Amino acid sequence: MAKSKANVVKFFHSDAGHGWLAVKTRELVELGIADKITAFSFTKGKSSYLEEDVDMATYVNAQKDRGVNVEVRQGKRWDKKSPIRAFPAYQATVTAPVAETVSQ
């Protein structure tokens, strides 16, 4: 089994009914998957909260394709309804500035 080139740590937040992986929205743009994330995920500020059934796997697989291992750690757990559910639904039109990586 080949080792990954890099690791990233992400936090998984959950309530009694569902869970979300917290990522920076700009990562979705950089990975080229911003248009593949569903409206079952949420956004707040510069973060997106990817629902666990489909969108989380889309993100993890995109990172894996780049040789990056995603280490998922337990984040906040709510016994009742998570406040994440009240955040705005993710929209593919949500964009984040991508840092300039080309030096001149």
PDB file of N, CA and C in Angstrom:
ATOM      1  N   MET A   1       0.835  -1.175   0.000  1.00  0.00           N
ATOM      2  CA  MET A   1       0.000   0.000   0.000  1.00  0.00           C
ATOM      3  C   MET A   1       0.884   1.244   0.000  1.00  0.00           C
ATOM      4  N   ALA A   2       0.684   2.092  -1.005  1.00  0.00           N
ATOM      5  CA  ALA A   2       1.489   3.298  -1.130  1.00  0.00           C
ATOM      6  C   ALA A   2       1.036   4.353  -0.130  1.00  0.00           C
ATOM      7  N   LYS A   3       2.011   5.092   0.372  1.00  0.00           N
ATOM      8  CA  LYS A   3       1.678   6.173   1.299  1.00  0.00           C
ATOM      9  C   LYS A   3       1.200   7.388   0.524  1.00  0.00           C
ATOM     10  N   SER A   4       0.316   8.144   1.132  1.00  0.00           N
ATOM     11  CA  SER A   4      -0.161   9.378   0.538  1.00  0.00           C
ATOM     12  C   SER A   4       0.934  10.429   0.612  1.00  0.00           C
ATOM     13  N   LYS A   5       0.877  11.380  -0.300  1.00  0.00           N
ATOM     14  CA  LYS A   5       1.850  12.463  -0.320  1.00  0.00           C
ATOM     15  C   LYS A   5       1.652  13.415   0.855  1.00  0.00           C
ATOM     16  N   ALA A   6       0.403  13.575   1.270  1.00  0.00           N
ATOM     17  CA  ALA A   6       0.108  14.545   2.323  1.00  0.00           C
ATOM     18  C   ALA A   6      -1.125  14.115   3.093  1.00  0.00           C
ATOM     19  N   ASN A   7      -1.305  14.720   4.231  1.00  0.00           N
ATOM     20  CA  ASN A   7      -2.496  14.503   5.056  1.00  0.00           C
ATOM     21  C   ASN A   7      -3.151  15.840   5.346  1.00  0.00           C
ATOM     22  N   VAL A   8      -4.480  15.827   5.407  1.00  0.00           N
ATOM     23  CA  VAL A   8      -5.214  16.982   5.899  1.00  0.00           C
ATOM     24  C   VAL A   8      -6.145  16.473   6.987  1.00  0.00           C
ATOM     25  N   VAL A   9      -6.336  17.276   8.001  1.00  0.00           N
ATOM     26  CA  VAL A   9      -7.222  16.915   9.105  1.00  0.00           C
ATOM     27  C   VAL A   9      -8.501  17.730   8.970  1.00  0.00           C
ATOM     28  N   LYS A  10      -9.638  17.050   9.021  1.00  0.00           N
ATOM     29  CA  LYS A  10     -10.943  17.698   8.940  1.00  0.00           C
ATOM     30  C   LYS A  10     -11.799  17.206  10.098  1.00  0.00           C
ATOM     31  N   PHE A  11     -12.743  18.034  10.510  1.00  0.00           N
ATOM     32  CA  PHE A  11     -13.596  17.684  11.634  1.00  0.00           C
ATOM     33  C   PHE A  11     -15.006  17.362  11.172  1.00  0.00           C
ATOM     34  N   PHE A  12     -15.526  16.279  11.733  1.00  0.00           N
ATOM     35  CA  PHE A  12     -16.858  15.784  11.423  1.00  0.00           C
ATOM     36  C   PHE A  12     -17.786  16.149  12.575  1.00  0.00           C
ATOM     37  N   HIS A  13     -18.779  16.978  12.269  1.00  0.00           N
ATOM     38  CA  HIS A  13     -19.742  17.430  13.265  1.00  0.00           C
ATOM     39  C   HIS A  13     -21.047  16.682  13.045  1.00  0.00           C
ATOM     40  N   SER A  14     -21.756  16.362  14.130  1.00  0.00           N
ATOM     41  CA  SER A  14     -22.972  15.562  13.965  1.00  0.00           C
ATOM     42  C   SER A  14     -24.017  15.881  15.024  1.00  0.00           C
ATOM     43  N   ASP A  15     -25.246  15.506  14.690  1.00  0.00           N
ATOM     44  CA  ASP A  15     -26.326  15.528  15.671  1.00  0.00           C
ATOM     45  C   ASP A  15     -26.966  14.150  15.651  1.00  0.00           C
ATOM     46  N   ALA A  16     -28.099  14.010  16.283  1.00  0.00           N
ATOM     47  CA  ALA A  16     -28.721  12.683  16.393  1.00  0.00           C
ATOM     48  C   ALA A  16     -29.135  12.101  15.052  1.00  0.00           C
ATOM     49  N   GLY A  17     -29.287  12.937  14.015  1.00  0.00           N
ATOM     50  CA  GLY A  17     -29.780  12.432  12.742  1.00  0.00           C
ATOM     51  C   GLY A  17     -28.837  12.492  11.566  1.00  0.00           C
ATOM     52  N   HIS A  18     -27.783  13.305  11.656  1.00  0.00           N
ATOM     53  CA  HIS A  18     -26.930  13.462  10.479  1.00  0.00           C
ATOM     54  C   HIS A  18     -25.568  14.016  10.877  1.00  0.00           C
ATOM     55  N   GLY A  19     -24.661  14.083   9.886  1.00  0.00           N
ATOM     56  CA  GLY A  19     -23.331  14.598  10.147  1.00  0.00           C
ATOM     57  C   GLY A  19     -22.771  15.339   8.948  1.00  0.00           C
ATOM     58  N   TRP A  20     -21.770  16.193   9.211  1.00  0.00           N
ATOM     59  CA  TRP A  20     -21.188  17.039   8.188  1.00  0.00           C
ATOM     60  C   TRP A  20     -19.692  17.171   8.401  1.00  0.00           C
ATOM     61  N   LEU A  21     -18.956  17.141   7.301  1.00  0.00           N
ATOM     62  CA  LEU A  21     -17.517  17.362   7.331  1.00  0.00           C
ATOM     63  C   LEU A  21     -17.257  18.834   7.037  1.00  0.00           C
ATOM     64  N   ALA A  22     -16.553  19.516   7.931  1.00  0.00           N
ATOM     65  CA  ALA A  22     -16.254  20.942   7.753  1.00  0.00           C
ATOM     66  C   ALA A  22     -15.009  21.102   6.890  1.00  0.00           C
ATOM     67  N   VAL A  23     -15.151  21.883   5.808  1.00  0.00           N
ATOM     68  CA  VAL A  23     -14.034  22.180   4.913  1.00  0.00           C
ATOM     69  C   VAL A  23     -14.102  23.657   4.530  1.00  0.00           C
ATOM     70  N   LYS A  24     -13.018  24.186   4.026  1.00  0.00           N
ATOM     71  CA  LYS A  24     -13.026  25.549   3.498  1.00  0.00           C
ATOM     72  C   LYS A  24     -13.650  25.502   2.099  1.00  0.00           C
ATOM     73  N   THR A  25     -14.546  26.420   1.828  1.00  0.00           N
ATOM     74  CA  THR A  25     -15.236  26.441   0.539  1.00  0.00           C
ATOM     75  C   THR A  25     -14.242  26.577  -0.611  1.00  0.00           C
ATOM     76  N   ARG A  26     -13.174  27.306  -0.403  1.00  0.00           N
ATOM     77  CA  ARG A  26     -12.180  27.475  -1.467  1.00  0.00           C
ATOM     78  C   ARG A  26     -11.564  26.140  -1.881  1.00  0.00           C
ATOM     79  N   GLU A  27     -11.505  25.177  -0.958  1.00  0.00           N
ATOM     80  CA  GLU A  27     -10.970  23.856  -1.298  1.00  0.00           C
ATOM     81  C   GLU A  27     -11.825  23.173  -2.365  1.00  0.00           C
ATOM     82  N   LEU A  28     -13.129  23.380  -2.283  1.00  0.00           N
ATOM     83  CA  LEU A  28     -14.032  22.770  -3.260  1.00  0.00           C
ATOM     84  C   LEU A  28     -13.753  23.323  -4.651  1.00  0.00           C
ATOM     85  N   VAL A  29     -13.470  24.623  -4.706  1.00  0.00           N
ATOM     86  CA  VAL A  29     -13.130  25.264  -5.973  1.00  0.00           C
ATOM     87  C   VAL A  29     -11.784  24.745  -6.465  1.00  0.00           C
ATOM     88  N   GLU A  30     -10.802  24.715  -5.590  1.00  0.00           N
ATOM     89  CA  GLU A  30      -9.457  24.264  -5.960  1.00  0.00           C
ATOM     90  C   GLU A  30      -9.450  22.810  -6.433  1.00  0.00           C
ATOM     91  N   LEU A  31     -10.298  21.976  -5.829  1.00  0.00           N
ATOM     92  CA  LEU A  31     -10.384  20.564  -6.208  1.00  0.00           C
ATOM     93  C   LEU A  31     -11.232  20.343  -7.464  1.00  0.00           C
ATOM     94  N   GLY A  32     -11.918  21.378  -7.913  1.00  0.00           N
ATOM     95  CA  GLY A  32     -12.756  21.262  -9.101  1.00  0.00           C
ATOM     96  C   GLY A  32     -14.062  20.524  -8.856  1.00  0.00           C
ATOM     97  N   ILE A  33     -14.522  20.528  -7.607  1.00  0.00           N
ATOM     98  CA  ILE A  33     -15.755  19.798  -7.275  1.00  0.00           C
ATOM     99  C   ILE A  33     -16.852  20.718  -6.757  1.00  0.00           C
ATOM    100  N   ALA A  34     -16.663  22.021  -6.846  1.00  0.00           N
ATOM    101  CA  ALA A  34     -17.658  22.962  -6.312  1.00  0.00           C
ATOM    102  C   ALA A  34     -19.036  22.731  -6.915  1.00  0.00           C
ATOM    103  N   ASP A  35     -19.074  22.333  -8.186  1.00  0.00           N
ATOM    104  CA  ASP A  35     -20.357  22.106  -8.856  1.00  0.00           C
ATOM    105  C   ASP A  35     -20.917  20.703  -8.619  1.00  0.00           C
ATOM    106  N   LYS A  36     -20.174  19.879  -7.890  1.00  0.00           N
ATOM    107  CA  LYS A  36     -20.625  18.510  -7.608  1.00  0.00           C
ATOM    108  C   LYS A  36     -21.240  18.363  -6.211  1.00  0.00           C
ATOM    109  N   ILE A  37     -21.162  19.412  -5.417  1.00  0.00           N
ATOM    110  CA  ILE A  37     -21.687  19.385  -4.052  1.00  0.00           C
ATOM    111  C   ILE A  37     -23.180  19.694  -4.096  1.00  0.00           C
ATOM    112  N   THR A  38     -23.957  18.954  -3.333  1.00  0.00           N
ATOM    113  CA  THR A  38     -25.414  19.082  -3.375  1.00  0.00           C
ATOM    114  C   THR A  38     -25.925  20.150  -2.401  1.00  0.00           C
ATOM    115  N   ALA A  39     -27.184  20.470  -2.543  1.00  0.00           N
ATOM    116  CA  ALA A  39     -27.836  21.435  -1.651  1.00  0.00           C
ATOM    117  C   ALA A  39     -28.151  20.828  -0.288  1.00  0.00           C
ATOM    118  N   PHE A  40     -27.753  19.570  -0.055  1.00  0.00           N
ATOM    119  CA  PHE A  40     -27.921  18.948   1.261  1.00  0.00           C
ATOM    120  C   PHE A  40     -26.768  19.314   2.189  1.00  0.00           C
ATOM    121  N   SER A  41     -25.772  20.010   1.640  1.00  0.00           N
ATOM    122  CA  SER A  41     -24.675  20.540   2.439  1.00  0.00           C
ATOM    123  C   SER A  41     -24.984  21.999   2.749  1.00  0.00           C
ATOM    124  N   PHE A  42     -24.184  22.587   3.638  1.00  0.00           N
ATOM    125  CA  PHE A  42     -24.453  23.948   4.102  1.00  0.00           C
ATOM    126  C   PHE A  42     -23.193  24.798   4.032  1.00  0.00           C
ATOM    127  N   THR A  43     -23.377  26.113   4.086  1.00  0.00           N
ATOM    128  CA  THR A  43     -22.246  27.032   4.113  1.00  0.00           C
ATOM    129  C   THR A  43     -22.450  28.076   5.196  1.00  0.00           C
ATOM    130  N   LYS A  44     -21.342  28.554   5.718  1.00  0.00           N
ATOM    131  CA  LYS A  44     -21.358  29.684   6.650  1.00  0.00           C
ATOM    132  C   LYS A  44     -19.979  30.317   6.584  1.00  0.00           C
ATOM    133  N   GLY A  45     -19.961  31.596   6.270  1.00  0.00           N
ATOM    134  CA  GLY A  45     -18.676  32.276   6.145  1.00  0.00           C
ATOM    135  C   GLY A  45     -17.841  31.637   5.048  1.00  0.00           C
ATOM    136  N   LYS A  46     -16.616  31.310   5.367  1.00  0.00           N
ATOM    137  CA  LYS A  46     -15.702  30.713   4.386  1.00  0.00           C
ATOM    138  C   LYS A  46     -15.693  29.190   4.451  1.00  0.00           C
ATOM    139  N   SER A  47     -16.621  28.608   5.216  1.00  0.00           N
ATOM    140  CA  SER A  47     -16.657  27.153   5.386  1.00  0.00           C
ATOM    141  C   SER A  47     -17.889  26.535   4.757  1.00  0.00           C
ATOM    142  N   SER A  48     -17.722  25.296   4.345  1.00  0.00           N
ATOM    143  CA  SER A  48     -18.837  24.477   3.878  1.00  0.00           C
ATOM    144  C   SER A  48     -18.889  23.242   4.759  1.00  0.00           C
ATOM    145  N   TYR A  49     -20.099  22.775   4.988  1.00  0.00           N
ATOM    146  CA  TYR A  49     -20.325  21.608   5.838  1.00  0.00           C
ATOM    147  C   TYR A  49     -20.946  20.541   4.948  1.00  0.00           C
ATOM    148  N   LEU A  50     -20.112  19.570   4.556  1.00  0.00           N
ATOM    149  CA  LEU A  50     -20.507  18.571   3.567  1.00  0.00           C
ATOM    150  C   LEU A  50     -21.261  17.433   4.216  1.00  0.00           C
ATOM    151  N   GLU A  51     -22.473  17.171   3.720  1.00  0.00           N
ATOM    152  CA  GLU A  51     -23.292  16.110   4.302  1.00  0.00           C
ATOM    153  C   GLU A  51     -22.588  14.772   4.108  1.00  0.00           C
ATOM    154  N   GLU A  52     -22.834  13.877   5.038  1.00  0.00           N
ATOM    155  CA  GLU A  52     -22.075  12.644   5.126  1.00  0.00           C
ATOM    156  C   GLU A  52     -22.402  11.591   4.082  1.00  0.00           C
ATOM    157  N   ASP A  53     -23.575  11.633   3.457  1.00  0.00           N
ATOM    158  CA  ASP A  53     -23.983  10.544   2.567  1.00  0.00           C
ATOM    159  C   ASP A  53     -23.317  10.576   1.198  1.00  0.00           C
ATOM    160  N   VAL A  54     -23.169  11.747   0.610  1.00  0.00           N
ATOM    161  CA  VAL A  54     -22.608  11.845  -0.748  1.00  0.00           C
ATOM    162  C   VAL A  54     -21.469  12.857  -0.813  1.00  0.00           C
ATOM    163  N   ASP A  55     -21.726  14.067  -0.342  1.00  0.00           N
ATOM    164  CA  ASP A  55     -20.772  15.157  -0.531  1.00  0.00           C
ATOM    165  C   ASP A  55     -19.442  14.938   0.187  1.00  0.00           C
ATOM    166  N   MET A  56     -19.484  14.357   1.356  1.00  0.00           N
ATOM    167  CA  MET A  56     -18.254  14.064   2.086  1.00  0.00           C
ATOM    168  C   MET A  56     -17.376  13.116   1.264  1.00  0.00           C
ATOM    169  N   ALA A  57     -17.976  12.090   0.678  1.00  0.00           N
ATOM    170  CA  ALA A  57     -17.223  11.133  -0.151  1.00  0.00           C
ATOM    171  C   ALA A  57     -16.667  11.815  -1.401  1.00  0.00           C
ATOM    172  N   THR A  58     -17.430  12.738  -1.988  1.00  0.00           N
ATOM    173  CA  THR A  58     -16.950  13.478  -3.159  1.00  0.00           C
ATOM    174  C   THR A  58     -15.669  14.221  -2.811  1.00  0.00           C
ATOM    175  N   TYR A  59     -15.663  14.867  -1.656  1.00  0.00           N
ATOM    176  CA  TYR A  59     -14.488  15.614  -1.206  1.00  0.00           C
ATOM    177  C   TYR A  59     -13.315  14.670  -0.902  1.00  0.00           C
ATOM    178  N   VAL A  60     -13.570  13.640  -0.121  1.00  0.00           N
ATOM    179  CA  VAL A  60     -12.504  12.704   0.266  1.00  0.00           C
ATOM    180  C   VAL A  60     -11.891  12.052  -0.977  1.00  0.00           C
ATOM    181  N   ASN A  61     -12.726  11.647  -1.920  1.00  0.00           N
ATOM    182  CA  ASN A  61     -12.221  11.013  -3.142  1.00  0.00           C
ATOM    183  C   ASN A  61     -11.423  11.984  -4.006  1.00  0.00           C
ATOM    184  N   ALA A  62     -11.850  13.240  -4.068  1.00  0.00           N
ATOM    185  CA  ALA A  62     -11.101  14.240  -4.834  1.00  0.00           C
ATOM    186  C   ALA A  62      -9.722  14.469  -4.219  1.00  0.00           C
ATOM    187  N   GLN A  63      -9.669  14.514  -2.904  1.00  0.00           N
ATOM    188  CA  GLN A  63      -8.369  14.653  -2.231  1.00  0.00           C
ATOM    189  C   GLN A  63      -7.510  13.415  -2.473  1.00  0.00           C
ATOM    190  N   LYS A  64      -8.122  12.251  -2.372  1.00  0.00           N
ATOM    191  CA  LYS A  64      -7.404  10.988  -2.596  1.00  0.00           C
ATOM    192  C   LYS A  64      -6.812  10.949  -4.004  1.00  0.00           C
ATOM    193  N   ASP A  65      -7.571  11.417  -4.988  1.00  0.00           N
ATOM    194  CA  ASP A  65      -7.085  11.460  -6.369  1.00  0.00           C
ATOM    195  C   ASP A  65      -5.850  12.336  -6.512  1.00  0.00           C
ATOM    196  N   ARG A  66      -5.691  13.288  -5.609  1.00  0.00           N
ATOM    197  CA  ARG A  66      -4.510  14.166  -5.605  1.00  0.00           C
ATOM    198  C   ARG A  66      -3.392  13.625  -4.718  1.00  0.00           C
ATOM    199  N   GLY A  67      -3.607  12.448  -4.143  1.00  0.00           N
ATOM    200  CA  GLY A  67      -2.601  11.864  -3.272  1.00  0.00           C
ATOM    201  C   GLY A  67      -2.651  12.376  -1.851  1.00  0.00           C
ATOM    202  N   VAL A  68      -3.778  12.965  -1.468  1.00  0.00           N
ATOM    203  CA  VAL A  68      -3.921  13.534  -0.129  1.00  0.00           C
ATOM    204  C   VAL A  68      -4.874  12.664   0.690  1.00  0.00           C
ATOM    205  N   ASN A  69      -4.430  12.261   1.858  1.00  0.00           N
ATOM    206  CA  ASN A  69      -5.251  11.486   2.776  1.00  0.00           C
ATOM    207  C   ASN A  69      -6.008  12.432   3.706  1.00  0.00           C
ATOM    208  N   VAL A  70      -7.310  12.223   3.824  1.00  0.00           N
ATOM    209  CA  VAL A  70      -8.121  13.046   4.717  1.00  0.00           C
ATOM    210  C   VAL A  70      -8.296  12.295   6.032  1.00  0.00           C
ATOM    211  N   GLU A  71      -7.766  12.867   7.095  1.00  0.00           N
ATOM    212  CA  GLU A  71      -7.936  12.306   8.427  1.00  0.00           C
ATOM    213  C   GLU A  71      -9.157  12.977   9.052  1.00  0.00           C
ATOM    214  N   VAL A  72     -10.175  12.180   9.335  1.00  0.00           N
ATOM    215  CA  VAL A  72     -11.417  12.715   9.887  1.00  0.00           C
ATOM    216  C   VAL A  72     -11.405  12.542  11.405  1.00  0.00           C
ATOM    217  N   ARG A  73     -11.575  13.649  12.097  1.00  0.00           N
ATOM    218  CA  ARG A  73     -11.639  13.629  13.563  1.00  0.00           C
ATOM    219  C   ARG A  73     -13.028  14.057  14.008  1.00  0.00           C
ATOM    220  N   GLN A  74     -13.431  13.543  15.161  1.00  0.00           N
ATOM    221  CA  GLN A  74     -14.744  13.900  15.699  1.00  0.00           C
ATOM    222  C   GLN A  74     -14.728  15.352  16.131  1.00  0.00           C
ATOM    223  N   GLY A  75     -15.685  16.091  15.624  1.00  0.00           N
ATOM    224  CA  GLY A  75     -15.858  17.490  16.005  1.00  0.00           C
ATOM    225  C   GLY A  75     -16.970  17.598  17.027  1.00  0.00           C
ATOM    226  N   LYS A  76     -17.718  18.663  16.928  1.00  0.00           N
ATOM    227  CA  LYS A  76     -18.825  18.912  17.859  1.00  0.00           C
ATOM    228  C   LYS A  76     -19.950  17.915  17.626  1.00  0.00           C
ATOM    229  N   ARG A  77     -20.516  17.420  18.725  1.00  0.00           N
ATOM    230  CA  ARG A  77     -21.660  16.501  18.689  1.00  0.00           C
ATOM    231  C   ARG A  77     -22.809  17.123  19.450  1.00  0.00           C
ATOM    232  N   TRP A  78     -23.949  17.198  18.804  1.00  0.00           N
ATOM    233  CA  TRP A  78     -25.135  17.727  19.467  1.00  0.00           C
ATOM    234  C   TRP A  78     -26.104  16.596  19.728  1.00  0.00           C
ATOM    235  N   ASP A  79     -26.694  16.568  20.913  1.00  0.00           N
ATOM    236  CA  ASP A  79     -27.688  15.545  21.239  1.00  0.00           C
ATOM    237  C   ASP A  79     -28.990  15.797  20.498  1.00  0.00           C
ATOM    238  N   LYS A  80     -29.256  17.051  20.229  1.00  0.00           N
ATOM    239  CA  LYS A  80     -30.475  17.419  19.516  1.00  0.00           C
ATOM    240  C   LYS A  80     -30.086  17.979  18.153  1.00  0.00           C
ATOM    241  N   LYS A  81     -30.865  18.873  17.641  1.00  0.00           N
ATOM    242  CA  LYS A  81     -30.650  19.459  16.320  1.00  0.00           C
ATOM    243  C   LYS A  81     -29.396  20.337  16.280  1.00  0.00           C
ATOM    244  N   SER A  82     -28.530  20.075  15.316  1.00  0.00           N
ATOM    245  CA  SER A  82     -27.320  20.867  15.145  1.00  0.00           C
ATOM    246  C   SER A  82     -27.649  22.237  14.556  1.00  0.00           C
ATOM    247  N   PRO A  83     -26.942  23.286  14.987  1.00  0.00           N
ATOM    248  CA  PRO A  83     -27.148  24.600  14.377  1.00  0.00           C
ATOM    249  C   PRO A  83     -26.716  24.627  12.903  1.00  0.00           C
ATOM    250  N   ILE A  84     -25.914  23.659  12.486  1.00  0.00           N
ATOM    251  CA  ILE A  84     -25.496  23.581  11.080  1.00  0.00           C
ATOM    252  C   ILE A  84     -26.720  23.500  10.169  1.00  0.00           C
ATOM    253  N   ARG A  85     -27.767  22.853  10.627  1.00  0.00           N
ATOM    254  CA  ARG A  85     -28.990  22.706   9.824  1.00  0.00           C
ATOM    255  C   ARG A  85     -29.644  24.054   9.488  1.00  0.00           C
ATOM    256  N   ALA A  86     -29.337  25.088  10.256  1.00  0.00           N
ATOM    257  CA  ALA A  86     -29.914  26.416  10.023  1.00  0.00           C
ATOM    258  C   ALA A  86     -29.045  27.283   9.102  1.00  0.00           C
ATOM    259  N   PHE A  87     -27.854  26.795   8.744  1.00  0.00           N
ATOM    260  CA  PHE A  87     -26.990  27.547   7.841  1.00  0.00           C
ATOM    261  C   PHE A  87     -27.605  27.533   6.440  1.00  0.00           C
ATOM    262  N   PRO A  88     -27.215  28.473   5.585  1.00  0.00           N
ATOM    263  CA  PRO A  88     -27.715  28.460   4.211  1.00  0.00           C
ATOM    264  C   PRO A  88     -27.290  27.185   3.473  1.00  0.00           C
ATOM    265  N   ALA A  89     -28.193  26.678   2.638  1.00  0.00           N
ATOM    266  CA  ALA A  89     -27.879  25.493   1.829  1.00  0.00           C
ATOM    267  C   ALA A  89     -26.760  25.840   0.851  1.00  0.00           C
ATOM    268  N   TYR A  90     -25.889  24.890   0.620  1.00  0.00           N
ATOM    269  CA  TYR A  90     -24.804  25.070  -0.342  1.00  0.00           C
ATOM    270  C   TYR A  90     -25.395  25.278  -1.734  1.00  0.00           C
ATOM    271  N   GLN A  91     -24.812  26.192  -2.471  1.00  0.00           N
ATOM    272  CA  GLN A  91     -25.199  26.415  -3.863  1.00  0.00           C
ATOM    273  C   GLN A  91     -23.944  26.375  -4.707  1.00  0.00           C
ATOM    274  N   ALA A  92     -24.034  25.745  -5.842  1.00  0.00           N
ATOM    275  CA  ALA A  92     -22.876  25.624  -6.730  1.00  0.00           C
ATOM    276  C   ALA A  92     -22.340  26.984  -7.154  1.00  0.00           C
ATOM    277  N   THR A  93     -23.161  28.022  -7.050  1.00  0.00           N
ATOM    278  CA  THR A  93     -22.699  29.357  -7.415  1.00  0.00           C
ATOM    279  C   THR A  93     -21.828  29.968  -6.326  1.00  0.00           C
ATOM    280  N   VAL A  94     -21.767  29.309  -5.159  1.00  0.00           N
ATOM    281  CA  VAL A  94     -20.905  29.792  -4.083  1.00  0.00           C
ATOM    282  C   VAL A  94     -19.467  29.646  -4.534  1.00  0.00           C
ATOM    283  N   THR A  95     -18.740  30.731  -4.509  1.00  0.00           N
ATOM    284  CA  THR A  95     -17.335  30.681  -4.908  1.00  0.00           C
ATOM    285  C   THR A  95     -16.492  31.280  -3.815  1.00  0.00           C
ATOM    286  N   ALA A  96     -15.254  30.900  -3.831  1.00  0.00           N
ATOM    287  CA  ALA A  96     -14.300  31.452  -2.882  1.00  0.00           C
ATOM    288  C   ALA A  96     -13.074  31.867  -3.669  1.00  0.00           C
ATOM    289  N   PRO A  97     -12.433  32.923  -3.276  1.00  0.00           N
ATOM    290  CA  PRO A  97     -11.221  33.322  -4.000  1.00  0.00           C
ATOM    291  C   PRO A  97     -10.146  32.243  -3.877  1.00  0.00           C
ATOM    292  N   VAL A  98      -9.532  31.944  -4.985  1.00  0.00           N
ATOM    293  CA  VAL A  98      -8.451  30.964  -5.007  1.00  0.00           C
ATOM    294  C   VAL A  98      -7.144  31.746  -4.930  1.00  0.00           C
ATOM    295  N   ALA A  99      -6.322  31.384  -3.984  1.00  0.00           N
ATOM    296  CA  ALA A  99      -5.047  32.077  -3.816  1.00  0.00           C
ATOM    297  C   ALA A  99      -4.206  31.908  -5.077  1.00  0.00           C
ATOM    298  N   GLU A 100      -3.543  32.963  -5.445  1.00  0.00           N
ATOM    299  CA  GLU A 100      -2.689  32.904  -6.620  1.00  0.00           C
ATOM    300  C   GLU A 100      -1.484  32.042  -6.299  1.00  0.00           C
ATOM    301  N   THR A 101      -1.255  31.032  -7.126  1.00  0.00           N
ATOM    302  CA  THR A 101      -0.163  30.106  -6.852  1.00  0.00           C
ATOM    303  C   THR A 101       0.968  30.236  -7.869  1.00  0.00           C
ATOM    304  N   VAL A 102       0.799  31.062  -8.875  1.00  0.00           N
ATOM    305  CA  VAL A 102       1.824  31.230  -9.896  1.00  0.00           C
ATOM    306  C   VAL A 102       2.705  32.405  -9.508  1.00  0.00           C
ATOM    307  N   SER A 103       3.979  32.156  -9.387  1.00  0.00           N
ATOM    308  CA  SER A 103       4.890  33.255  -9.088  1.00  0.00           C
ATOM    309  C   SER A 103       5.531  33.748 -10.372  1.00  0.00           C
ATOM    310  N   GLN A 104       5.787  35.027 -10.425  1.00  0.00           N
ATOM    311  CA  GLN A 104       6.349  35.600 -11.660  1.00  0.00           C
ATOM    312  C   GLN A 104       7.740  36.069 -11.444  1.00  0.00           C
TER     313      GLN A 104
END
